[in-house]
Amino acid sequence: MLDKIIRFSIDNKIIIGLLTVALIIWGGYSVTQLPIDAVPDITNNQVQIITSAPSQSAQDIERLVTFPVEQAMATIPDIEEVRSFSRFGLSVVTVVFEDDIDVYWAQATSKRTPE
């Protein structure tokens, strides 16, 4: 059986050459279509709430903006951590969710305002 394949390959060099070129072209195309990410996303699921309050001191921002936002975010389920910092006129609260939480759910949940 193997002898027949070898004999066919020797006798039909043009067909084998064309098949080889076709396989190389098909392989090259397939490589370009692979959904491989060179650097996988290893960041955790997090949402940042950035609030600007111009002309407010850092203490006022902490007391009037950052702390209430932290308290409201603490009631959301599946939270790993809540981080924040307050600067002159700026409050940034970062809410870190567990890894199995959908990012879109986390963003939609963080946009709700408590009543």
PDB file of N, CA and C in Angstrom:
ATOM      1  N   MET A   1       0.829  -1.195   0.000  1.00  0.00           N
ATOM      2  CA  MET A   1       0.000   0.000   0.000  1.00  0.00           C
ATOM      3  C   MET A   1       0.871   1.255   0.000  1.00  0.00           C
ATOM      4  N   LEU A   2       1.859   1.283   0.889  1.00  0.00           N
ATOM      5  CA  LEU A   2       2.758   2.433   0.955  1.00  0.00           C
ATOM      6  C   LEU A   2       3.569   2.560  -0.342  1.00  0.00           C
ATOM      7  N   ASP A   3       3.920   1.397  -0.922  1.00  0.00           N
ATOM      8  CA  ASP A   3       4.667   1.431  -2.182  1.00  0.00           C
ATOM      9  C   ASP A   3       3.848   2.077  -3.294  1.00  0.00           C
ATOM     10  N   LYS A   4       2.534   1.840  -3.301  1.00  0.00           N
ATOM     11  CA  LYS A   4       1.666   2.438  -4.319  1.00  0.00           C
ATOM     12  C   LYS A   4       1.583   3.955  -4.152  1.00  0.00           C
ATOM     13  N   ILE A   5       1.515   4.418  -2.901  1.00  0.00           N
ATOM     14  CA  ILE A   5       1.457   5.869  -2.644  1.00  0.00           C
ATOM     15  C   ILE A   5       2.752   6.527  -3.079  1.00  0.00           C
ATOM     16  N   ILE A   6       3.867   5.900  -2.767  1.00  0.00           N
ATOM     17  CA  ILE A   6       5.167   6.454  -3.163  1.00  0.00           C
ATOM     18  C   ILE A   6       5.302   6.454  -4.681  1.00  0.00           C
ATOM     19  N   ARG A   7       4.917   5.378  -5.333  1.00  0.00           N
ATOM     20  CA  ARG A   7       5.008   5.285  -6.794  1.00  0.00           C
ATOM     21  C   ARG A   7       4.112   6.347  -7.453  1.00  0.00           C
ATOM     22  N   PHE A   8       2.875   6.550  -6.905  1.00  0.00           N
ATOM     23  CA  PHE A   8       1.978   7.583  -7.434  1.00  0.00           C
ATOM     24  C   PHE A   8       2.602   8.967  -7.268  1.00  0.00           C
ATOM     25  N   SER A   9       3.228   9.202  -6.128  1.00  0.00           N
ATOM     26  CA  SER A   9       3.845  10.512  -5.869  1.00  0.00           C
ATOM     27  C   SER A   9       4.990  10.774  -6.830  1.00  0.00           C
ATOM     28  N   ILE A  10       5.779   9.745  -7.126  1.00  0.00           N
ATOM     29  CA  ILE A  10       6.909   9.922  -8.045  1.00  0.00           C
ATOM     30  C   ILE A  10       6.411  10.128  -9.472  1.00  0.00           C
ATOM     31  N   ASP A  11       5.388   9.392  -9.860  1.00  0.00           N
ATOM     32  CA  ASP A  11       4.879   9.495 -11.231  1.00  0.00           C
ATOM     33  C   ASP A  11       4.076  10.775 -11.473  1.00  0.00           C
ATOM     34  N   ASN A  12       3.481  11.361 -10.463  1.00  0.00           N
ATOM     35  CA  ASN A  12       2.614  12.551 -10.616  1.00  0.00           C
ATOM     36  C   ASN A  12       3.135  13.714  -9.779  1.00  0.00           C
ATOM     37  N   LYS A  13       4.326  14.166 -10.106  1.00  0.00           N
ATOM     38  CA  LYS A  13       4.982  15.232  -9.333  1.00  0.00           C
ATOM     39  C   LYS A  13       4.197  16.541  -9.369  1.00  0.00           C
ATOM     40  N   ILE A  14       3.569  16.853 -10.464  1.00  0.00           N
ATOM     41  CA  ILE A  14       2.828  18.116 -10.592  1.00  0.00           C
ATOM     42  C   ILE A  14       1.611  18.109  -9.664  1.00  0.00           C
ATOM     43  N   ILE A  15       0.884  17.017  -9.619  1.00  0.00           N
ATOM     44  CA  ILE A  15      -0.292  16.941  -8.739  1.00  0.00           C
ATOM     45  C   ILE A  15       0.128  17.045  -7.281  1.00  0.00           C
ATOM     46  N   ILE A  16       1.177  16.325  -6.903  1.00  0.00           N
ATOM     47  CA  ILE A  16       1.664  16.366  -5.521  1.00  0.00           C
ATOM     48  C   ILE A  16       2.173  17.772  -5.184  1.00  0.00           C
ATOM     49  N   GLY A  17       2.868  18.409  -6.131  1.00  0.00           N
ATOM     50  CA  GLY A  17       3.353  19.783  -5.912  1.00  0.00           C
ATOM     51  C   GLY A  17       2.199  20.756  -5.709  1.00  0.00           C
ATOM     52  N   LEU A  18       1.148  20.645  -6.544  1.00  0.00           N
ATOM     53  CA  LEU A  18      -0.014  21.524  -6.406  1.00  0.00           C
ATOM     54  C   LEU A  18      -0.744  21.283  -5.082  1.00  0.00           C
ATOM     55  N   LEU A  19      -0.887  20.028  -4.688  1.00  0.00           N
ATOM     56  CA  LEU A  19      -1.520  19.721  -3.391  1.00  0.00           C
ATOM     57  C   LEU A  19      -0.697  20.276  -2.220  1.00  0.00           C
ATOM     58  N   THR A  20       0.636  20.186  -2.347  1.00  0.00           N
ATOM     59  CA  THR A  20       1.506  20.731  -1.293  1.00  0.00           C
ATOM     60  C   THR A  20       1.356  22.247  -1.191  1.00  0.00           C
ATOM     61  N   VAL A  21       1.340  22.936  -2.302  1.00  0.00           N
ATOM     62  CA  VAL A  21       1.164  24.399  -2.316  1.00  0.00           C
ATOM     63  C   VAL A  21      -0.218  24.763  -1.759  1.00  0.00           C
ATOM     64  N   ALA A  22      -1.242  23.997  -2.141  1.00  0.00           N
ATOM     65  CA  ALA A  22      -2.590  24.263  -1.620  1.00  0.00           C
ATOM     66  C   ALA A  22      -2.647  24.080  -0.111  1.00  0.00           C
ATOM     67  N   LEU A  23      -1.980  23.051   0.401  1.00  0.00           N
ATOM     68  CA  LEU A  23      -1.948  22.839   1.857  1.00  0.00           C
ATOM     69  C   LEU A  23      -1.206  23.964   2.579  1.00  0.00           C
ATOM     70  N   ILE A  24      -0.130  24.463   1.982  1.00  0.00           N
ATOM     71  CA  ILE A  24       0.618  25.574   2.593  1.00  0.00           C
ATOM     72  C   ILE A  24      -0.245  26.836   2.628  1.00  0.00           C
ATOM     73  N   ILE A  25      -0.942  27.117   1.537  1.00  0.00           N
ATOM     74  CA  ILE A  25      -1.819  28.303   1.498  1.00  0.00           C
ATOM     75  C   ILE A  25      -2.959  28.154   2.501  1.00  0.00           C
ATOM     76  N   TRP A  26      -3.567  26.992   2.545  1.00  0.00           N
ATOM     77  CA  TRP A  26      -4.665  26.753   3.492  1.00  0.00           C
ATOM     78  C   TRP A  26      -4.171  26.873   4.942  1.00  0.00           C
ATOM     79  N   GLY A  27      -2.993  26.347   5.224  1.00  0.00           N
ATOM     80  CA  GLY A  27      -2.420  26.454   6.573  1.00  0.00           C
ATOM     81  C   GLY A  27      -2.107  27.894   6.944  1.00  0.00           C
ATOM     82  N   GLY A  28      -1.567  28.650   5.983  1.00  0.00           N
ATOM     83  CA  GLY A  28      -1.288  30.068   6.245  1.00  0.00           C
ATOM     84  C   GLY A  28      -2.549  30.849   6.548  1.00  0.00           C
ATOM     85  N   TYR A  29      -3.611  30.575   5.796  1.00  0.00           N
ATOM     86  CA  TYR A  29      -4.888  31.243   6.049  1.00  0.00           C
ATOM     87  C   TYR A  29      -5.445  30.851   7.420  1.00  0.00           C
ATOM     88  N   SER A  30      -5.354  29.568   7.758  1.00  0.00           N
ATOM     89  CA  SER A  30      -5.870  29.094   9.043  1.00  0.00           C
ATOM     90  C   SER A  30      -5.133  29.727  10.221  1.00  0.00           C
ATOM     91  N   VAL A  31      -3.840  29.935  10.075  1.00  0.00           N
ATOM     92  CA  VAL A  31      -3.062  30.564  11.148  1.00  0.00           C
ATOM     93  C   VAL A  31      -3.530  31.989  11.397  1.00  0.00           C
ATOM     94  N   THR A  32      -3.876  32.704  10.336  1.00  0.00           N
ATOM     95  CA  THR A  32      -4.332  34.089  10.523  1.00  0.00           C
ATOM     96  C   THR A  32      -5.718  34.166  11.147  1.00  0.00           C
ATOM     97  N   GLN A  33      -6.486  33.086  11.097  1.00  0.00           N
ATOM     98  CA  GLN A  33      -7.849  33.087  11.631  1.00  0.00           C
ATOM     99  C   GLN A  33      -7.941  32.538  13.055  1.00  0.00           C
ATOM    100  N   LEU A  34      -6.832  32.126  13.644  1.00  0.00           N
ATOM    101  CA  LEU A  34      -6.857  31.569  14.996  1.00  0.00           C
ATOM    102  C   LEU A  34      -7.189  32.648  16.024  1.00  0.00           C
ATOM    103  N   PRO A  35      -8.130  32.390  16.926  1.00  0.00           N
ATOM    104  CA  PRO A  35      -8.484  33.379  17.950  1.00  0.00           C
ATOM    105  C   PRO A  35      -7.576  33.274  19.174  1.00  0.00           C
ATOM    106  N   ILE A  36      -6.307  33.535  19.005  1.00  0.00           N
ATOM    107  CA  ILE A  36      -5.345  33.433  20.103  1.00  0.00           C
ATOM    108  C   ILE A  36      -4.949  34.833  20.537  1.00  0.00           C
ATOM    109  N   ASP A  37      -4.987  35.058  21.843  1.00  0.00           N
ATOM    110  CA  ASP A  37      -4.561  36.332  22.388  1.00  0.00           C
ATOM    111  C   ASP A  37      -3.146  36.158  22.933  1.00  0.00           C
ATOM    112  N   ALA A  38      -2.231  36.993  22.487  1.00  0.00           N
ATOM    113  CA  ALA A  38      -0.843  36.862  22.910  1.00  0.00           C
ATOM    114  C   ALA A  38      -0.687  37.134  24.403  1.00  0.00           C
ATOM    115  N   VAL A  39      -1.451  38.076  24.931  1.00  0.00           N
ATOM    116  CA  VAL A  39      -1.396  38.404  26.350  1.00  0.00           C
ATOM    117  C   VAL A  39      -2.799  38.237  26.921  1.00  0.00           C
ATOM    118  N   PRO A  40      -3.040  37.176  27.654  1.00  0.00           N
ATOM    119  CA  PRO A  40      -4.386  36.976  28.189  1.00  0.00           C
ATOM    120  C   PRO A  40      -4.729  38.016  29.251  1.00  0.00           C
ATOM    121  N   ASP A  41      -6.007  38.297  29.374  1.00  0.00           N
ATOM    122  CA  ASP A  41      -6.480  39.267  30.349  1.00  0.00           C
ATOM    123  C   ASP A  41      -6.536  38.610  31.726  1.00  0.00           C
ATOM    124  N   ILE A  42      -5.630  39.020  32.624  1.00  0.00           N
ATOM    125  CA  ILE A  42      -5.582  38.422  33.954  1.00  0.00           C
ATOM    126  C   ILE A  42      -6.040  39.396  35.040  1.00  0.00           C
ATOM    127  N   THR A  43      -6.605  40.518  34.634  1.00  0.00           N
ATOM    128  CA  THR A  43      -7.078  41.480  35.622  1.00  0.00           C
ATOM    129  C   THR A  43      -8.367  40.982  36.255  1.00  0.00           C
ATOM    130  N   ASN A  44      -8.611  41.455  37.446  1.00  0.00           N
ATOM    131  CA  ASN A  44      -9.850  41.082  38.122  1.00  0.00           C
ATOM    132  C   ASN A  44     -11.003  41.954  37.620  1.00  0.00           C
ATOM    133  N   ASN A  45     -12.222  41.549  37.956  1.00  0.00           N
ATOM    134  CA  ASN A  45     -13.404  42.318  37.558  1.00  0.00           C
ATOM    135  C   ASN A  45     -13.550  43.484  38.523  1.00  0.00           C
ATOM    136  N   GLN A  46     -13.432  44.678  38.001  1.00  0.00           N
ATOM    137  CA  GLN A  46     -13.555  45.844  38.865  1.00  0.00           C
ATOM    138  C   GLN A  46     -14.273  46.979  38.150  1.00  0.00           C
ATOM    139  N   VAL A  47     -14.887  47.813  38.966  1.00  0.00           N
ATOM    140  CA  VAL A  47     -15.605  48.983  38.480  1.00  0.00           C
ATOM    141  C   VAL A  47     -15.083  50.181  39.255  1.00  0.00           C
ATOM    142  N   GLN A  48     -14.809  51.263  38.558  1.00  0.00           N
ATOM    143  CA  GLN A  48     -14.367  52.492  39.214  1.00  0.00           C
ATOM    144  C   GLN A  48     -15.458  53.536  39.120  1.00  0.00           C
ATOM    145  N   ILE A  49     -15.746  54.157  40.263  1.00  0.00           N
ATOM    146  CA  ILE A  49     -16.695  55.263  40.318  1.00  0.00           C
ATOM    147  C   ILE A  49     -15.871  56.524  40.569  1.00  0.00           C
ATOM    148  N   ILE A  50     -15.805  57.383  39.569  1.00  0.00           N
ATOM    149  CA  ILE A  50     -15.015  58.607  39.658  1.00  0.00           C
ATOM    150  C   ILE A  50     -15.979  59.773  39.775  1.00  0.00           C
ATOM    151  N   THR A  51     -15.820  60.553  40.839  1.00  0.00           N
ATOM    152  CA  THR A  51     -16.709  61.679  41.095  1.00  0.00           C
ATOM    153  C   THR A  51     -15.878  62.946  41.221  1.00  0.00           C
ATOM    154  N   SER A  52     -16.317  63.974  40.535  1.00  0.00           N
ATOM    155  CA  SER A  52     -15.632  65.259  40.579  1.00  0.00           C
ATOM    156  C   SER A  52     -16.515  66.268  41.317  1.00  0.00           C
ATOM    157  N   ALA A  53     -15.913  66.946  42.262  1.00  0.00           N
ATOM    158  CA  ALA A  53     -16.603  68.013  42.988  1.00  0.00           C
ATOM    159  C   ALA A  53     -15.619  69.175  43.129  1.00  0.00           C
ATOM    160  N   PRO A  54     -15.571  70.033  42.137  1.00  0.00           N
ATOM    161  CA  PRO A  54     -14.580  71.115  42.140  1.00  0.00           C
ATOM    162  C   PRO A  54     -14.705  72.004  43.376  1.00  0.00           C
ATOM    163  N   SER A  55     -13.589  72.504  43.795  1.00  0.00           N
ATOM    164  CA  SER A  55     -13.433  73.448  44.909  1.00  0.00           C
ATOM    165  C   SER A  55     -13.806  72.848  46.259  1.00  0.00           C
ATOM    166  N   GLN A  56     -13.849  71.527  46.385  1.00  0.00           N
ATOM    167  CA  GLN A  56     -14.084  70.881  47.684  1.00  0.00           C
ATOM    168  C   GLN A  56     -12.745  70.354  48.200  1.00  0.00           C
ATOM    169  N   SER A  57     -12.542  70.481  49.495  1.00  0.00           N
ATOM    170  CA  SER A  57     -11.303  69.982  50.085  1.00  0.00           C
ATOM    171  C   SER A  57     -11.324  68.458  50.121  1.00  0.00           C
ATOM    172  N   ALA A  58     -10.161  67.871  50.338  1.00  0.00           N
ATOM    173  CA  ALA A  58     -10.070  66.407  50.389  1.00  0.00           C
ATOM    174  C   ALA A  58     -10.900  65.847  51.545  1.00  0.00           C
ATOM    175  N   GLN A  59     -10.944  66.562  52.681  1.00  0.00           N
ATOM    176  CA  GLN A  59     -11.745  66.097  53.818  1.00  0.00           C
ATOM    177  C   GLN A  59     -13.237  66.129  53.486  1.00  0.00           C
ATOM    178  N   ASP A  60     -13.681  67.180  52.812  1.00  0.00           N
ATOM    179  CA  ASP A  60     -15.097  67.258  52.426  1.00  0.00           C
ATOM    180  C   ASP A  60     -15.446  66.187  51.393  1.00  0.00           C
ATOM    181  N   ILE A  61     -14.558  65.959  50.451  1.00  0.00           N
ATOM    182  CA  ILE A  61     -14.778  64.915  49.455  1.00  0.00           C
ATOM    183  C   ILE A  61     -14.899  63.561  50.144  1.00  0.00           C
ATOM    184  N   GLU A  62     -14.022  63.294  51.094  1.00  0.00           N
ATOM    185  CA  GLU A  62     -14.057  62.018  51.815  1.00  0.00           C
ATOM    186  C   GLU A  62     -15.362  61.861  52.585  1.00  0.00           C
ATOM    187  N   ARG A  63     -15.759  62.905  53.279  1.00  0.00           N
ATOM    188  CA  ARG A  63     -16.938  62.835  54.151  1.00  0.00           C
ATOM    189  C   ARG A  63     -18.250  62.861  53.366  1.00  0.00           C
ATOM    190  N   LEU A  64     -18.334  63.700  52.335  1.00  0.00           N
ATOM    191  CA  LEU A  64     -19.600  63.908  51.640  1.00  0.00           C
ATOM    192  C   LEU A  64     -19.786  63.063  50.374  1.00  0.00           C
ATOM    193  N   VAL A  65     -18.695  62.583  49.794  1.00  0.00           N
ATOM    194  CA  VAL A  65     -18.811  61.844  48.533  1.00  0.00           C
ATOM    195  C   VAL A  65     -18.297  60.409  48.673  1.00  0.00           C
ATOM    196  N   THR A  66     -17.029  60.269  49.028  1.00  0.00           N
ATOM    197  CA  THR A  66     -16.405  58.947  49.027  1.00  0.00           C
ATOM    198  C   THR A  66     -17.059  57.993  50.012  1.00  0.00           C
ATOM    199  N   PHE A  67     -17.227  58.414  51.245  1.00  0.00           N
ATOM    200  CA  PHE A  67     -17.794  57.520  52.259  1.00  0.00           C
ATOM    201  C   PHE A  67     -19.219  57.076  51.911  1.00  0.00           C
ATOM    202  N   PRO A  68     -20.132  57.958  51.496  1.00  0.00           N
ATOM    203  CA  PRO A  68     -21.463  57.479  51.099  1.00  0.00           C
ATOM    204  C   PRO A  68     -21.440  56.519  49.902  1.00  0.00           C
ATOM    205  N   VAL A  69     -20.558  56.765  48.937  1.00  0.00           N
ATOM    206  CA  VAL A  69     -20.462  55.854  47.795  1.00  0.00           C
ATOM    207  C   VAL A  69     -19.943  54.494  48.257  1.00  0.00           C
ATOM    208  N   GLU A  70     -18.935  54.484  49.134  1.00  0.00           N
ATOM    209  CA  GLU A  70     -18.432  53.222  49.676  1.00  0.00           C
ATOM    210  C   GLU A  70     -19.532  52.456  50.409  1.00  0.00           C
ATOM    211  N   GLN A  71     -20.329  53.157  51.204  1.00  0.00           N
ATOM    212  CA  GLN A  71     -21.399  52.501  51.943  1.00  0.00           C
ATOM    213  C   GLN A  71     -22.452  51.925  51.007  1.00  0.00           C
ATOM    214  N   ALA A  72     -22.778  52.638  49.940  1.00  0.00           N
ATOM    215  CA  ALA A  72     -23.767  52.140  48.984  1.00  0.00           C
ATOM    216  C   ALA A  72     -23.229  50.929  48.219  1.00  0.00           C
ATOM    217  N   MET A  73     -21.955  50.954  47.873  1.00  0.00           N
ATOM    218  CA  MET A  73     -21.367  49.843  47.119  1.00  0.00           C
ATOM    219  C   MET A  73     -21.172  48.609  47.994  1.00  0.00           C
ATOM    220  N   ALA A  74     -21.034  48.778  49.288  1.00  0.00           N
ATOM    221  CA  ALA A  74     -20.805  47.648  50.186  1.00  0.00           C
ATOM    222  C   ALA A  74     -22.006  46.710  50.257  1.00  0.00           C
ATOM    223  N   THR A  75     -23.178  47.170  49.841  1.00  0.00           N
ATOM    224  CA  THR A  75     -24.376  46.331  49.903  1.00  0.00           C
ATOM    225  C   THR A  75     -24.541  45.425  48.682  1.00  0.00           C
ATOM    226  N   ILE A  76     -23.702  45.599  47.673  1.00  0.00           N
ATOM    227  CA  ILE A  76     -23.794  44.795  46.455  1.00  0.00           C
ATOM    228  C   ILE A  76     -23.213  43.412  46.738  1.00  0.00           C
ATOM    229  N   PRO A  77     -23.873  42.346  46.287  1.00  0.00           N
ATOM    230  CA  PRO A  77     -23.340  41.002  46.537  1.00  0.00           C
ATOM    231  C   PRO A  77     -22.112  40.683  45.687  1.00  0.00           C
ATOM    232  N   ASP A  78     -21.341  39.710  46.125  1.00  0.00           N
ATOM    233  CA  ASP A  78     -20.170  39.176  45.411  1.00  0.00           C
ATOM    234  C   ASP A  78     -19.036  40.178  45.259  1.00  0.00           C
ATOM    235  N   ILE A  79     -18.848  41.018  46.261  1.00  0.00           N
ATOM    236  CA  ILE A  79     -17.748  41.984  46.243  1.00  0.00           C
ATOM    237  C   ILE A  79     -16.582  41.411  47.038  1.00  0.00           C
ATOM    238  N   GLU A  80     -15.382  41.524  46.483  1.00  0.00           N
ATOM    239  CA  GLU A  80     -14.175  41.110  47.199  1.00  0.00           C
ATOM    240  C   GLU A  80     -13.591  42.262  48.004  1.00  0.00           C
ATOM    241  N   GLU A  81     -13.594  43.453  47.413  1.00  0.00           N
ATOM    242  CA  GLU A  81     -12.883  44.563  48.038  1.00  0.00           C
ATOM    243  C   GLU A  81     -13.432  45.898  47.526  1.00  0.00           C
ATOM    244  N   VAL A  82     -13.407  46.902  48.387  1.00  0.00           N
ATOM    245  CA  VAL A  82     -13.760  48.270  47.999  1.00  0.00           C
ATOM    246  C   VAL A  82     -12.589  49.155  48.397  1.00  0.00           C
ATOM    247  N   ARG A  83     -11.995  49.819  47.409  1.00  0.00           N
ATOM    248  CA  ARG A  83     -10.866  50.731  47.659  1.00  0.00           C
ATOM    249  C   ARG A  83     -11.284  52.135  47.247  1.00  0.00           C
ATOM    250  N   SER A  84     -10.680  53.117  47.888  1.00  0.00           N
ATOM    251  CA  SER A  84     -11.008  54.493  47.513  1.00  0.00           C
ATOM    252  C   SER A  84      -9.862  55.424  47.870  1.00  0.00           C
ATOM    253  N   PHE A  85      -9.873  56.566  47.202  1.00  0.00           N
ATOM    254  CA  PHE A  85      -9.016  57.667  47.633  1.00  0.00           C
ATOM    255  C   PHE A  85      -9.685  58.979  47.271  1.00  0.00           C
ATOM    256  N   SER A  86      -9.382  59.970  48.066  1.00  0.00           N
ATOM    257  CA  SER A  86      -9.978  61.295  47.892  1.00  0.00           C
ATOM    258  C   SER A  86      -8.869  62.320  47.756  1.00  0.00           C
ATOM    259  N   ARG A  87      -9.011  63.174  46.798  1.00  0.00           N
ATOM    260  CA  ARG A  87      -8.082  64.284  46.584  1.00  0.00           C
ATOM    261  C   ARG A  87      -8.909  65.558  46.481  1.00  0.00           C
ATOM    262  N   PHE A  88      -8.228  66.659  46.336  1.00  0.00           N
ATOM    263  CA  PHE A  88      -8.888  67.944  46.205  1.00  0.00           C
ATOM    264  C   PHE A  88      -9.797  67.919  44.977  1.00  0.00           C
ATOM    265  N   GLY A  89     -11.113  67.894  45.198  1.00  0.00           N
ATOM    266  CA  GLY A  89     -12.088  67.932  44.115  1.00  0.00           C
ATOM    267  C   GLY A  89     -12.313  66.614  43.400  1.00  0.00           C
ATOM    268  N   LEU A  90     -11.739  65.500  43.885  1.00  0.00           N
ATOM    269  CA  LEU A  90     -11.849  64.230  43.175  1.00  0.00           C
ATOM    270  C   LEU A  90     -12.007  63.075  44.153  1.00  0.00           C
ATOM    271  N   SER A  91     -12.935  62.174  43.817  1.00  0.00           N
ATOM    272  CA  SER A  91     -13.139  60.950  44.588  1.00  0.00           C
ATOM    273  C   SER A  91     -13.121  59.772  43.625  1.00  0.00           C
ATOM    274  N   VAL A  92     -12.336  58.748  43.954  1.00  0.00           N
ATOM    275  CA  VAL A  92     -12.275  57.539  43.138  1.00  0.00           C
ATOM    276  C   VAL A  92     -12.528  56.348  44.056  1.00  0.00           C
ATOM    277  N   VAL A  93     -13.597  55.612  43.761  1.00  0.00           N
ATOM    278  CA  VAL A  93     -13.935  54.404  44.508  1.00  0.00           C
ATOM    279  C   VAL A  93     -13.823  53.232  43.537  1.00  0.00           C
ATOM    280  N   THR A  94     -13.014  52.235  43.900  1.00  0.00           N
ATOM    281  CA  THR A  94     -12.830  51.043  43.070  1.00  0.00           C
ATOM    282  C   THR A  94     -13.485  49.867  43.777  1.00  0.00           C
ATOM    283  N   VAL A  95     -14.409  49.215  43.082  1.00  0.00           N
ATOM    284  CA  VAL A  95     -15.110  48.052  43.620  1.00  0.00           C
ATOM    285  C   VAL A  95     -14.595  46.828  42.862  1.00  0.00           C
ATOM    286  N   VAL A  96     -13.998  45.883  43.599  1.00  0.00           N
ATOM    287  CA  VAL A  96     -13.451  44.670  43.002  1.00  0.00           C
ATOM    288  C   VAL A  96     -14.430  43.532  43.251  1.00  0.00           C
ATOM    289  N   PHE A  97     -14.858  42.875  42.173  1.00  0.00           N
ATOM    290  CA  PHE A  97     -15.809  41.774  42.265  1.00  0.00           C
ATOM    291  C   PHE A  97     -15.081  40.442  42.185  1.00  0.00           C
ATOM    292  N   GLU A  98     -15.777  39.367  42.551  1.00  0.00           N
ATOM    293  CA  GLU A  98     -15.211  38.029  42.430  1.00  0.00           C
ATOM    294  C   GLU A  98     -15.000  37.696  40.956  1.00  0.00           C
ATOM    295  N   ASP A  99     -14.126  36.734  40.693  1.00  0.00           N
ATOM    296  CA  ASP A  99     -13.738  36.430  39.317  1.00  0.00           C
ATOM    297  C   ASP A  99     -14.867  35.870  38.469  1.00  0.00           C
ATOM    298  N   ASP A 100     -15.825  35.185  39.060  1.00  0.00           N
ATOM    299  CA  ASP A 100     -16.878  34.560  38.262  1.00  0.00           C
ATOM    300  C   ASP A 100     -18.047  35.490  37.959  1.00  0.00           C
ATOM    301  N   ILE A 101     -17.936  36.761  38.326  1.00  0.00           N
ATOM    302  CA  ILE A 101     -19.000  37.733  38.083  1.00  0.00           C
ATOM    303  C   ILE A 101     -18.846  38.317  36.681  1.00  0.00           C
ATOM    304  N   ASP A 102     -19.966  38.445  35.977  1.00  0.00           N
ATOM    305  CA  ASP A 102     -19.967  39.048  34.648  1.00  0.00           C
ATOM    306  C   ASP A 102     -19.680  40.551  34.771  1.00  0.00           C
ATOM    307  N   VAL A 103     -18.791  41.050  33.930  1.00  0.00           N
ATOM    308  CA  VAL A 103     -18.386  42.456  33.995  1.00  0.00           C
ATOM    309  C   VAL A 103     -19.568  43.380  33.746  1.00  0.00           C
ATOM    310  N   TYR A 104     -20.445  43.016  32.815  1.00  0.00           N
ATOM    311  CA  TYR A 104     -21.589  43.873  32.495  1.00  0.00           C
ATOM    312  C   TYR A 104     -22.571  43.932  33.661  1.00  0.00           C
ATOM    313  N   TRP A 105     -22.730  42.812  34.359  1.00  0.00           N
ATOM    314  CA  TRP A 105     -23.587  42.812  35.555  1.00  0.00           C
ATOM    315  C   TRP A 105     -22.987  43.720  36.625  1.00  0.00           C
ATOM    316  N   ALA A 106     -21.686  43.650  36.802  1.00  0.00           N
ATOM    317  CA  ALA A 106     -21.023  44.471  37.814  1.00  0.00           C
ATOM    318  C   ALA A 106     -21.182  45.957  37.505  1.00  0.00           C
ATOM    319  N   GLN A 107     -21.035  46.320  36.230  1.00  0.00           N
ATOM    320  CA  GLN A 107     -21.189  47.727  35.860  1.00  0.00           C
ATOM    321  C   GLN A 107     -22.620  48.194  36.051  1.00  0.00           C
ATOM    322  N   ALA A 108     -23.575  47.365  35.652  1.00  0.00           N
ATOM    323  CA  ALA A 108     -24.982  47.768  35.782  1.00  0.00           C
ATOM    324  C   ALA A 108     -25.384  47.861  37.252  1.00  0.00           C
ATOM    325  N   THR A 109     -24.860  46.976  38.082  1.00  0.00           N
ATOM    326  CA  THR A 109     -25.180  47.000  39.497  1.00  0.00           C
ATOM    327  C   THR A 109     -24.583  48.231  40.165  1.00  0.00           C
ATOM    328  N   SER A 110     -23.383  48.617  39.744  1.00  0.00           N
ATOM    329  CA  SER A 110     -22.718  49.766  40.356  1.00  0.00           C
ATOM    330  C   SER A 110     -23.362  51.084  39.953  1.00  0.00           C
ATOM    331  N   LYS A 111     -24.086  51.106  38.847  1.00  0.00           N
ATOM    332  CA  LYS A 111     -24.725  52.348  38.397  1.00  0.00           C
ATOM    333  C   LYS A 111     -26.003  52.646  39.138  1.00  0.00           C
ATOM    334  N   ARG A 112     -26.575  51.634  39.824  1.00  0.00           N
ATOM    335  CA  ARG A 112     -27.798  51.883  40.554  1.00  0.00           C
ATOM    336  C   ARG A 112     -27.510  52.807  41.732  1.00  0.00           C
ATOM    337  N   THR A 113     -28.430  53.680  41.996  1.00  0.00           N
ATOM    338  CA  THR A 113     -28.279  54.577  43.132  1.00  0.00           C
ATOM    339  C   THR A 113     -29.238  54.158  44.230  1.00  0.00           C
ATOM    340  N   PRO A 114     -28.775  54.121  45.470  1.00  0.00           N
ATOM    341  CA  PRO A 114     -29.673  53.729  46.557  1.00  0.00           C
ATOM    342  C   PRO A 114     -30.702  54.813  46.829  1.00  0.00           C
ATOM    343  N   GLU A 115     -31.883  54.394  47.248  1.00  0.00           N
ATOM    344  CA  GLU A 115     -32.946  55.355  47.530  1.00  0.00           C
ATOM    345  C   GLU A 115     -33.279  55.368  48.994  1.00  0.00           C
TER     346      GLU A 115
END
